[in-house]
């Protein structure tokens, strides 16, 4: 997948934001593909997180911002990626399943985004500490920065794990 260059003009800003999200989801998938289970569950950083934990975190970030936040759907457990104030993935969780959930979340996000205007406000929910939901555009910009930042983290971890480098 090619980076969504600014010269790739789109008539709809929603498509621009979705293109960036799709690119960073693809990047995350590329960074963890090829790592064996031991590498996926080994931390190479002082903070202690592992690649599989980061993938599970991103699956749930999208759920929290789109499903719970924007759509206002009550989630029985909006934080299944956290345990003891850190990211968590169980020994029985497989990265393939998490990546499939990540992709499914992306498809759901695309459906939600294309059904709304960027100025549409999210539904009121417990997601918003001050009770004021942001517009869809702000939610998407947050997801873009979150995915870009974490894709960069995986870039470093992948290089430390096996020397693989790249965009």
Protein backbone atom coordinates (compact mmCIF):
# COMPACT_ATOMS: atom_id res chain seq x y z
CA UNK A 1 0.00 0.00 0.00
CA UNK A 2 1.33 3.43 -0.85
CA UNK A 3 1.45 6.32 1.56
CA UNK A 4 -1.51 8.71 1.02
CA UNK A 5 0.51 11.58 -0.42
CA UNK A 6 -0.98 15.06 -0.14
CA UNK A 7 -0.97 15.21 -3.94
CA UNK A 8 -3.51 12.33 -4.02
CA UNK A 9 -6.45 14.70 -4.24
CA UNK A 10 -9.81 13.61 -2.86
CA UNK A 11 -13.10 15.43 -3.22
CA UNK A 12 -14.22 14.31 0.23
CA UNK A 13 -12.16 14.97 3.38
CA UNK A 14 -13.69 11.86 4.92
CA UNK A 15 -11.91 9.80 2.25
CA UNK A 16 -8.62 11.55 3.04
CA UNK A 17 -8.84 10.65 6.73
CA UNK A 18 -9.95 7.10 5.98
CA UNK A 19 -7.08 6.68 3.54
CA UNK A 20 -4.59 7.62 6.28
CA UNK A 21 -6.24 5.23 8.75
CA UNK A 22 -6.18 2.42 6.20
CA UNK A 23 -2.51 3.09 5.50
CA UNK A 24 -1.54 2.99 9.17
CA UNK A 25 -3.59 -0.16 9.79
CA UNK A 26 -1.74 -1.77 6.89
CA UNK A 27 1.58 -0.56 8.34
CA UNK A 28 0.79 -2.08 11.75
CA UNK A 29 -0.08 -5.38 10.06
CA UNK A 30 3.17 -5.31 8.05
CA UNK A 31 5.26 -4.60 11.15
CA UNK A 32 3.93 -7.59 13.09
CA UNK A 33 3.72 -10.01 10.15
CA UNK A 34 6.73 -12.28 10.20
CA UNK A 35 7.35 -12.02 13.93
CA UNK A 36 7.06 -15.37 15.65
CA UNK A 37 5.01 -15.75 18.82
CA UNK A 38 8.03 -15.27 21.08
CA UNK A 39 8.92 -11.98 19.37
CA UNK A 40 5.29 -10.83 19.53
CA UNK A 41 5.24 -11.44 23.28
CA UNK A 42 8.69 -10.09 24.12
CA UNK A 43 9.26 -6.50 25.13
CA UNK A 44 12.37 -4.76 23.91
CA UNK A 45 11.61 -1.49 25.65
CA UNK A 46 11.89 -0.22 29.21
CA UNK A 47 8.14 0.50 29.24
CA UNK A 48 7.52 -3.23 28.93
CA UNK A 49 4.84 -3.42 26.21
CA UNK A 50 4.93 -6.14 23.57
CA UNK A 51 3.89 -5.99 19.90
CA UNK A 52 0.82 -8.19 20.47
CA UNK A 53 -0.26 -5.94 23.34
CA UNK A 54 0.06 -2.89 21.10
CA UNK A 55 -2.08 -4.53 18.40
CA UNK A 56 -4.76 -5.38 20.97
CA UNK A 57 -4.56 -1.80 22.25
CA UNK A 58 -5.19 -0.42 18.75
CA UNK A 59 -8.19 -2.72 18.22
CA UNK A 60 -9.71 -1.30 21.37
CA UNK A 61 -8.70 2.29 20.71
CA UNK A 62 -10.88 2.22 17.60
CA UNK A 63 -13.75 0.60 19.54
CA UNK A 64 -13.52 3.25 22.24
CA UNK A 65 -13.44 6.21 19.86
CA UNK A 66 -15.90 5.04 17.20
CA UNK A 67 -18.29 2.54 18.81
CA UNK A 68 -18.39 3.75 22.41
CA UNK A 69 -17.47 7.36 21.75
CA UNK A 70 -18.97 8.50 18.46
CA UNK A 71 -21.82 6.00 18.19
CA UNK A 72 -22.57 6.00 21.92
CA UNK A 73 -22.86 2.21 22.18
CA UNK A 74 -22.52 1.01 25.76
CA UNK A 75 -19.57 -1.36 26.00
CA UNK A 76 -19.61 -3.71 28.96
CA UNK A 77 -15.80 -3.51 29.10
CA UNK A 78 -14.31 -0.67 27.06
CA UNK A 79 -10.80 -1.40 28.39
CA UNK A 80 -10.13 -5.13 27.71
CA UNK A 81 -6.64 -4.21 26.51
CA UNK A 82 -5.58 -2.98 29.96
CA UNK A 83 -4.70 -4.78 33.15
CA UNK A 84 -2.83 -3.36 36.14
CA UNK A 85 -2.43 0.03 34.40
CA UNK A 86 -0.68 -1.38 31.34
CA UNK A 87 -1.53 -2.99 28.01
CA UNK A 88 -2.45 -6.64 28.17
CA UNK A 89 -2.91 -9.57 25.80
CA UNK A 90 -3.66 -13.05 27.15
CA UNK A 91 -1.54 -16.09 26.36
CA UNK A 92 -4.48 -17.56 24.40
CA UNK A 93 -4.85 -14.51 22.13
CA UNK A 94 -3.43 -14.83 18.64
CA UNK A 95 -2.08 -11.90 16.66
CA UNK A 96 -3.91 -13.14 13.55
CA UNK A 97 -7.24 -12.87 15.35
CA UNK A 98 -6.37 -9.43 16.70
CA UNK A 99 -5.36 -8.23 13.24
CA UNK A 100 -8.62 -9.56 11.82
CA UNK A 101 -10.49 -7.64 14.53
CA UNK A 102 -8.39 -4.57 13.70
CA UNK A 103 -9.39 -4.83 10.03
CA UNK A 104 -13.05 -5.43 10.93
CA UNK A 105 -12.95 -2.33 13.13
CA UNK A 106 -11.57 -0.39 10.19
CA UNK A 107 -14.40 -1.55 7.95
CA UNK A 108 -16.91 -0.54 10.61
CA UNK A 109 -15.24 2.85 10.97
CA UNK A 110 -15.47 3.38 7.21
CA UNK A 111 -19.21 2.62 7.29
CA UNK A 112 -19.77 5.01 10.18
CA UNK A 113 -17.70 7.78 8.63
CA UNK A 114 -19.34 7.56 5.22
CA UNK A 115 -22.79 7.71 6.87
CA UNK A 116 -21.98 11.03 8.61
CA UNK A 117 -20.60 14.47 8.03
CA UNK A 118 -17.31 15.36 9.64
CA UNK A 119 -19.09 18.04 11.66
CA UNK A 120 -21.56 15.55 13.18
CA UNK A 121 -21.17 15.29 16.94
CA UNK A 122 -20.71 11.99 18.68
CA UNK A 123 -23.47 10.60 20.85
CA UNK A 124 -23.48 11.54 24.52
CA UNK A 125 -21.97 8.72 26.55
CA UNK A 126 -19.76 7.88 29.49
CA UNK A 127 -16.85 8.02 27.04
CA UNK A 128 -16.67 11.80 27.36
CA UNK A 129 -15.44 12.93 30.76
CA UNK A 130 -16.98 16.37 30.41
CA UNK A 131 -20.11 15.05 28.70
CA UNK A 132 -19.44 16.96 25.47
CA UNK A 133 -18.81 14.64 22.52
CA UNK A 134 -16.49 15.96 19.80
CA UNK A 135 -17.28 16.10 16.09
CA UNK A 136 -16.38 13.12 13.92
CA UNK A 137 -13.47 14.95 12.32
CA UNK A 138 -11.73 15.38 15.70
CA UNK A 139 -12.28 11.71 16.51
CA UNK A 140 -10.70 10.70 13.20
CA UNK A 141 -7.76 13.06 13.63
CA UNK A 142 -7.13 11.55 17.04
CA UNK A 143 -7.15 8.04 15.54
CA UNK A 144 -4.75 9.10 12.77
CA UNK A 145 -2.24 10.49 15.28
CA UNK A 146 -2.61 7.46 17.54
CA UNK A 147 -2.04 5.01 14.68
CA UNK A 148 0.87 6.97 13.21
CA UNK A 149 2.58 7.17 16.60
CA UNK A 150 2.14 3.48 17.35
CA UNK A 151 3.18 2.43 13.83
CA UNK A 152 6.41 4.32 14.53
CA UNK A 153 6.80 2.46 17.80
CA UNK A 154 6.41 -0.84 15.96
CA UNK A 155 8.96 0.33 13.40
CA UNK A 156 11.56 0.60 16.15
CA UNK A 157 10.55 -2.64 17.86
CA UNK A 158 10.66 -4.55 14.57
CA UNK A 159 14.15 -3.24 13.84
CA UNK A 160 15.28 -4.30 17.31
CA UNK A 161 13.64 -7.72 16.92
CA UNK A 162 15.09 -8.79 13.58
CA UNK A 163 16.65 -5.81 11.83
CA UNK A 164 13.74 -5.25 9.45
CA UNK A 165 13.40 -1.60 8.51
CA UNK A 166 11.11 0.38 6.29
CA UNK A 167 8.52 3.10 6.12
